């Protein structure tokens, strides 16, 4: 029996995942496979190495200005993105200390532990899953984490191994539950950071970031729901003997994912904790 934790993308909504994971840990659940996309890619390695409280502290306190700065409009024709992600890379670099990276490499030598983060290769159009030992050093792994978080257009693509450009893994695999099945998981705990249906948003869409964010959100909705429905169908077939536990908010999390406001994220953390508690209680009585 192998337990897998899959954490979807969602930017600051990752605070919901932090709350949900806190409850799962309280139940004593241990994970053999951890897979994350975008914000989930930041959480998975820290959880795998026993540094959950460190990443929890980040999601409780980080602010938008610490991560993203908008480029001057006059320079846009020469830019690859609307925002600079220097702050985000700096945070990842401080989060993934050399000792933590060494611990990740050690995990990679064990057959009972797998940590994967997901990116999308712009050159080939393919999805790429990175284990810590797939990169030559810590700096390269930091770049993989940065690429997994970088929404195309809004944030700058990252050049990874082979001199190819990579962006947010959510472009193709926002909820990579199939990867957990491929890795041999029997119990899959999937934390998805959006509701099952896109919400009506009464906006005039006068600014480029608003339009891009909404378009990406709708695109990710289709990808996410397809990912989940395929796996749900597989798990329902008795021959596979797999279980999918899906933890997701019942209502929208009042953020577009690019706003990092500590008070909001602490609230999302509480919502995630309570939602996981409800779902696991339902599982217990089935």
Protein backbone atom coordinates (compact mmCIF):
# COMPACT_ATOMS: atom_id res chain seq x y z
CA UNK A 1 0.00 0.00 0.00
CA UNK A 2 1.41 3.37 -1.04
CA UNK A 3 -0.04 6.73 0.01
CA UNK A 4 0.35 9.62 -2.41
CA UNK A 5 -0.24 13.31 -1.79
CA UNK A 6 -1.00 15.41 -4.87
CA UNK A 7 -1.14 19.20 -4.50
CA UNK A 8 -2.52 21.26 -7.36
CA UNK A 9 -1.51 24.73 -8.48
CA UNK A 10 -3.21 27.87 -7.24
CA UNK A 11 -0.71 30.48 -6.03
CA UNK A 12 -1.70 31.94 -2.67
CA UNK A 13 -4.53 29.39 -2.49
CA UNK A 14 -1.78 27.00 -1.45
CA UNK A 15 -2.65 28.16 2.06
CA UNK A 16 -5.77 25.98 1.78
CA UNK A 17 -3.48 23.01 1.05
CA UNK A 18 -1.37 23.84 4.11
CA UNK A 19 -4.45 23.68 6.34
CA UNK A 20 -5.64 20.43 4.76
CA UNK A 21 -2.22 18.81 5.13
CA UNK A 22 -2.08 19.84 8.78
CA UNK A 23 -5.18 17.79 9.47
CA UNK A 24 -3.92 14.80 7.47
CA UNK A 25 -0.71 14.84 9.49
CA UNK A 26 -2.69 14.99 12.73
CA UNK A 27 -4.41 11.78 11.62
CA UNK A 28 -0.99 10.16 11.35
CA UNK A 29 -1.09 9.69 7.57
CA UNK A 30 2.35 9.28 6.03
CA UNK A 31 3.05 9.81 2.34
CA UNK A 32 5.29 7.65 0.17
CA UNK A 33 4.73 9.75 -2.96
CA UNK A 34 4.47 13.55 -3.02
CA UNK A 35 3.69 15.37 -6.26
CA UNK A 36 3.16 19.11 -6.63
CA UNK A 37 2.46 21.61 -9.37
CA UNK A 38 3.08 25.35 -9.03
CA UNK A 39 2.32 26.31 -5.42
CA UNK A 40 2.09 22.59 -4.70
CA UNK A 41 5.67 22.20 -5.94
CA UNK A 42 6.84 24.51 -3.14
CA UNK A 43 5.01 22.53 -0.47
CA UNK A 44 5.80 18.94 -1.48
CA UNK A 45 9.61 18.97 -1.00
CA UNK A 46 9.36 20.76 2.34
CA UNK A 47 6.77 18.30 3.63
CA UNK A 48 8.79 15.32 2.40
CA UNK A 49 11.87 16.44 4.33
CA UNK A 50 10.04 17.17 7.57
CA UNK A 51 9.98 20.96 7.23
CA UNK A 52 6.23 21.45 7.06
CA UNK A 53 6.21 24.10 9.82
CA UNK A 54 8.72 26.18 7.84
CA UNK A 55 6.61 26.28 4.69
CA UNK A 56 3.48 26.85 6.80
CA UNK A 57 5.12 29.94 8.28
CA UNK A 58 5.79 31.27 4.77
CA UNK A 59 2.16 30.86 3.70
CA UNK A 60 1.05 32.61 6.88
CA UNK A 61 3.26 35.66 6.45
CA UNK A 62 4.44 36.28 2.87
CA UNK A 63 3.08 39.31 0.99
CA UNK A 64 2.62 40.00 -2.71
CA UNK A 65 5.39 42.61 -2.75
CA UNK A 66 7.82 39.98 -1.42
CA UNK A 67 7.29 37.82 -4.49
CA UNK A 68 6.17 39.84 -7.51
CA UNK A 69 6.96 43.25 -8.92
CA UNK A 70 5.37 44.59 -12.10
CA UNK A 71 7.74 45.67 -14.85
CA UNK A 72 7.47 49.24 -16.11
CA UNK A 73 4.95 49.34 -18.95
CA UNK A 74 7.38 51.23 -21.17
CA UNK A 75 9.74 48.23 -21.07
CA UNK A 76 7.05 45.63 -21.93
CA UNK A 77 8.01 45.14 -25.61
CA UNK A 78 11.40 43.82 -24.43
CA UNK A 79 10.07 41.64 -21.61
CA UNK A 80 8.96 38.00 -21.45
CA UNK A 81 6.40 38.71 -18.74
CA UNK A 82 4.37 41.33 -16.91
CA UNK A 83 5.92 40.60 -13.52
CA UNK A 84 9.46 40.15 -12.28
CA UNK A 85 9.86 36.99 -10.19
CA UNK A 86 13.18 37.89 -8.54
CA UNK A 87 11.43 38.03 -5.17
CA UNK A 88 9.84 34.61 -5.70
CA UNK A 89 13.18 33.06 -6.66
CA UNK A 90 14.81 34.64 -3.62
CA UNK A 91 12.13 33.14 -1.37
CA UNK A 92 12.56 29.67 -2.90
CA UNK A 93 16.33 29.96 -2.50
CA UNK A 94 15.95 30.82 1.19
CA UNK A 95 13.33 28.11 1.69
CA UNK A 96 15.28 25.29 0.09
CA UNK A 97 18.40 25.43 2.24
CA UNK A 98 21.39 23.26 1.25
CA UNK A 99 20.61 20.83 4.06
CA UNK A 100 17.04 20.39 2.86
CA UNK A 101 18.24 19.78 -0.69
CA UNK A 102 20.67 17.14 0.64
CA UNK A 103 17.77 15.49 2.47
CA UNK A 104 15.80 15.43 -0.79
CA UNK A 105 18.69 13.76 -2.58
CA UNK A 106 18.85 11.15 0.18
CA UNK A 107 15.13 10.46 -0.21
CA UNK A 108 15.74 9.86 -3.89
CA UNK A 109 17.95 6.91 -3.03
CA UNK A 110 15.09 5.19 -1.20
CA UNK A 111 12.59 3.06 -3.08
CA UNK A 112 9.82 3.90 -0.62
CA UNK A 113 9.88 7.69 -1.12
CA UNK A 114 9.29 9.75 -4.25
CA UNK A 115 9.07 13.54 -4.58
CA UNK A 116 8.12 15.03 -7.95
CA UNK A 117 7.47 18.57 -9.13
CA UNK A 118 5.85 19.38 -12.45
CA UNK A 119 6.75 21.86 -15.21
CA UNK A 120 5.61 22.42 -18.79
CA UNK A 121 8.25 22.52 -21.53
CA UNK A 122 7.37 25.39 -23.90
CA UNK A 123 9.69 24.08 -26.61
CA UNK A 124 8.33 20.54 -26.82
CA UNK A 125 4.86 21.11 -25.36
CA UNK A 126 5.39 18.21 -22.96
CA UNK A 127 4.93 17.81 -19.22
CA UNK A 128 8.09 17.15 -17.23
CA UNK A 129 8.29 15.67 -13.74
CA UNK A 130 11.46 16.45 -11.83
CA UNK A 131 12.87 14.40 -8.98
CA UNK A 132 15.65 16.06 -6.94
CA UNK A 133 18.33 13.81 -8.43
CA UNK A 134 17.28 14.87 -11.97
CA UNK A 135 19.10 18.15 -11.42
CA UNK A 136 22.90 18.57 -11.14
CA UNK A 137 22.82 20.85 -8.09
CA UNK A 138 20.64 22.81 -5.68
CA UNK A 139 20.58 25.94 -7.87
CA UNK A 140 19.17 23.93 -10.78
CA UNK A 141 16.47 22.44 -8.54
CA UNK A 142 15.57 25.94 -7.32
CA UNK A 143 15.10 26.91 -10.98
CA UNK A 144 12.80 23.90 -11.47
CA UNK A 145 10.68 25.03 -8.54
CA UNK A 146 10.59 28.57 -9.93
CA UNK A 147 9.55 27.30 -13.37
CA UNK A 148 6.75 25.21 -11.87
CA UNK A 149 5.30 28.38 -10.29
CA UNK A 150 5.66 30.73 -13.27
CA UNK A 151 2.37 31.36 -15.07
CA UNK A 152 3.12 32.11 -18.76
CA UNK A 153 2.69 35.72 -19.77
CA UNK A 154 2.44 36.87 -16.19
CA UNK A 155 5.81 35.46 -15.13
CA UNK A 156 9.05 34.76 -16.97
CA UNK A 157 9.78 31.27 -18.37
CA UNK A 158 12.83 29.55 -16.89
CA UNK A 159 15.57 27.90 -18.93
CA UNK A 160 16.24 24.41 -17.59
CA UNK A 161 18.32 21.41 -18.61
CA UNK A 162 18.88 21.22 -22.37
CA UNK A 163 18.43 24.98 -22.74
CA UNK A 164 14.66 24.64 -23.07
CA UNK A 165 12.13 27.03 -21.57
CA UNK A 166 9.77 25.79 -18.86
CA UNK A 167 6.70 27.32 -17.19
CA UNK A 168 3.94 26.40 -14.75
CA UNK A 169 3.25 22.67 -14.72
CA UNK A 170 -0.44 23.53 -14.44
CA UNK A 171 -0.55 24.49 -18.12
CA UNK A 172 -0.95 20.76 -18.78
CA UNK A 173 -1.17 19.04 -15.37
CA UNK A 174 -2.68 21.32 -12.75
CA UNK A 175 -3.78 18.35 -10.62
CA UNK A 176 -1.28 15.59 -11.51
CA UNK A 177 -3.19 12.66 -10.04
CA UNK A 178 -2.39 10.40 -12.98
CA UNK A 179 1.31 10.75 -12.14
CA UNK A 180 0.55 9.34 -8.69
CA UNK A 181 -1.11 6.29 -10.26
CA UNK A 182 1.83 5.85 -12.63
CA UNK A 183 4.15 5.90 -9.58
CA UNK A 184 2.23 3.00 -8.02
CA UNK A 185 0.02 4.80 -5.50
CA UNK A 186 -2.90 2.89 -4.02
CA UNK A 187 -4.32 5.68 -1.82
CA UNK A 188 -4.28 9.12 -3.42
CA UNK A 189 -4.99 12.23 -1.36
CA UNK A 190 -5.51 15.02 -3.89
CA UNK A 191 -5.72 18.61 -2.67
CA UNK A 192 -7.28 20.73 -5.40
CA UNK A 193 -7.41 24.47 -4.79
CA UNK A 194 -10.53 25.41 -6.73
CA UNK A 195 -14.21 24.54 -6.77
CA UNK A 196 -15.61 21.99 -9.26
CA UNK A 197 -16.99 24.72 -11.52
CA UNK A 198 -15.82 28.17 -12.67
CA UNK A 199 -17.61 31.04 -10.99
CA UNK A 200 -19.25 34.05 -12.63
CA UNK A 201 -17.01 37.05 -12.00
CA UNK A 202 -18.60 40.49 -12.62
CA UNK A 203 -15.48 42.25 -13.87
CA UNK A 204 -14.94 44.76 -16.67
CA UNK A 205 -11.55 43.22 -17.53
CA UNK A 206 -9.82 46.52 -18.24
CA UNK A 207 -6.28 45.41 -17.38
CA UNK A 208 -4.05 42.82 -19.04
CA UNK A 209 -3.24 40.92 -15.81
CA UNK A 210 -6.96 40.52 -15.07
CA UNK A 211 -7.66 39.17 -18.55
CA UNK A 212 -4.68 36.80 -18.49
CA UNK A 213 -5.52 35.51 -15.03
CA UNK A 214 -9.14 34.83 -15.95
CA UNK A 215 -8.18 33.14 -19.23
CA UNK A 216 -5.60 30.96 -17.48
CA UNK A 217 -8.08 30.11 -14.74
CA UNK A 218 -10.65 28.91 -17.29
CA UNK A 219 -8.00 26.93 -19.16
CA UNK A 220 -6.77 25.36 -15.93
CA UNK A 221 -10.37 24.50 -14.99
CA UNK A 222 -10.75 22.26 -18.04
CA UNK A 223 -7.37 20.59 -17.47
CA UNK A 224 -7.99 20.10 -13.76
CA UNK A 225 -11.44 18.57 -14.11
CA UNK A 226 -10.30 16.25 -16.90
CA UNK A 227 -7.39 15.08 -14.75
CA UNK A 228 -9.68 14.35 -11.83
CA UNK A 229 -12.52 12.71 -13.79
CA UNK A 230 -10.16 10.28 -15.53
CA UNK A 231 -8.62 9.19 -12.24
CA UNK A 232 -12.00 8.96 -10.50
CA UNK A 233 -13.16 6.63 -13.26
CA UNK A 234 -10.06 4.46 -12.89
CA UNK A 235 -10.36 4.33 -9.12
CA UNK A 236 -13.99 3.23 -9.39
CA UNK A 237 -12.92 0.11 -11.28
CA UNK A 238 -12.45 -2.62 -8.69
CA UNK A 239 -9.60 -4.19 -10.62
CA UNK A 240 -7.32 -1.25 -9.82
CA UNK A 241 -7.95 -1.38 -6.05
CA UNK A 242 -7.14 2.31 -5.63
CA UNK A 243 -8.77 5.01 -3.55
CA UNK A 244 -8.97 8.70 -4.38
CA UNK A 245 -9.64 11.13 -1.52
CA UNK A 246 -10.40 14.54 -3.01
CA UNK A 247 -10.09 17.60 -0.78
CA UNK A 248 -11.15 20.87 -2.36
CA UNK A 249 -12.99 24.04 -1.28
CA UNK A 250 -16.75 24.03 -1.58
CA UNK A 251 -16.78 27.76 -2.30
CA UNK A 252 -14.36 30.10 -4.08
CA UNK A 253 -11.31 31.12 -2.04
CA UNK A 254 -11.74 34.88 -2.61
CA UNK A 255 -8.42 35.41 -4.40
CA UNK A 256 -7.04 35.16 -7.92
CA UNK A 257 -3.97 33.37 -6.59
CA UNK A 258 -1.55 36.23 -7.23
CA UNK A 259 -2.54 38.22 -4.15
CA UNK A 260 -0.57 37.18 -1.09
CA UNK A 261 -2.29 38.78 1.89
CA UNK A 262 -1.41 37.14 5.25
CA UNK A 263 -4.88 37.62 6.76
CA UNK A 264 -6.54 36.02 3.73
CA UNK A 265 -4.11 33.13 3.62
CA UNK A 266 -4.52 32.41 7.32
CA UNK A 267 -8.27 32.29 6.70
CA UNK A 268 -7.78 29.91 3.74
CA UNK A 269 -5.60 27.75 5.96
CA UNK A 270 -8.44 27.39 8.46
CA UNK A 271 -10.88 26.60 5.65
CA UNK A 272 -8.53 23.93 4.31
CA UNK A 273 -8.15 22.35 7.75
CA UNK A 274 -11.90 22.21 8.32
CA UNK A 275 -12.60 20.91 4.81
CA UNK A 276 -10.04 18.11 5.22
CA UNK A 277 -11.62 17.27 8.57
CA UNK A 278 -15.05 16.98 6.93
CA UNK A 279 -13.79 14.86 4.04
CA UNK A 280 -11.84 12.48 6.27
CA UNK A 281 -14.82 12.11 8.58
CA UNK A 282 -16.95 11.14 5.58
CA UNK A 283 -14.28 8.65 4.49
CA UNK A 284 -14.27 7.07 7.93
CA UNK A 285 -18.02 6.42 7.80
CA UNK A 286 -18.10 4.98 4.29
